[in-house]
């Protein structure tokens, strides 16, 4: 039996911390005592060595790497040669599949024609740009620093290099109108992209934006307004030839769906390399220490930089499977739903939340209205 692997490499560096972001990221001025951008690639490669040794000792050798995703943070703050060096090192440990999908996230102002060409030549196949919005006032509220006019140029450079392109949008920013959302989606689609992600803004409690809300400087996003914006995004994406395959993701063809994210949603095995990164191996979940300095010190001592781990119970794995697979267009095998929750399938079909034909064929697939209420549907299906 062959065993494939996905690999996520967390690059925890940003030029500026955005007001809505609570990811494990750091600006250059926040780091000291090791863990700098300059030494990051060497540290990540050392962690790859240690993770592979630990997996093989536990009886989990992998035959191939199916997907790689450089995320962050802003991976393209590192030199392109560093990203390629990490990919080459991984390839030396475990062969990349012939059709491996290799993605890097990027800010539009963190790439050049030359850097994208180098990434493509080094094995990257796909770039995901953090566009967020095409409206300057919305970008300012989000503390995004890039010029929206830079996005088409960055996409053109990526296309010239032979890369597939995704654009990430955020909707629901305080003060954003539905006309702003339409302008942003149309601007993204006008770039001729292969893939689009559109995420509703979630304001986490420890962010600068949350503090602005508490001080009354911003208004809380309205759920009905968010639903209207989602439906508009769906209509515009569909009209342009993109199809949803996960609640917040659309692709032009099935081949251009993000296979790395699908591996998460389907519960496959993955490595998480880098400070704060999580990994999963057959129900065993582990996560790294968060701070780059401590991460670097542990690697220097030949220690896996793991903060903690847990063996996910069969019950929790079932709940996670229902939660994640119901969000994708392929849907969920109805036999996965426990017997006590089976009647809820018909209830949500009758309410128009689940596709009736798919349900008759044994799959629970969300309709458009069901996607707006995905969390409520999931709650009724989990034990």
Foldseek 3Di string as FASTA:
>chain_A
DAAEAEAEEEDQEACDDWQQDPFLHDYQVVDDQFLHLVCPLVLLLLLLVLVQVVCVVVVHHHAEYQEYEYYYHAVLLRQLVSVLVSVVSNCVRHNHPPNHAYEYEHELVSDDLVSLLSNLVSPHAAYEYALAFQDPVLCVLRVHDDHSVSVLVSLVSNVVSNHAYEYEHEDQRFPDALVRLVRGLVVRVVSVHFKYFYYYRDRDCPGNVNVCVVVVVTDHGDLVRVLVSLVVSQVVCVVSQWDFFFLGMTGNDPVPDDVSVVCVLQVGFYHYTDAQTWTDDPQKIWTFHRDSSQSSVCSVVVHNRTPDIDRHDPLNVLLSNQLRQQRGQQADQLVSFDPVLSVLLVVCVVVQQFPPVVVVVRGTHGDSVVSSVVVVSSVSRRD
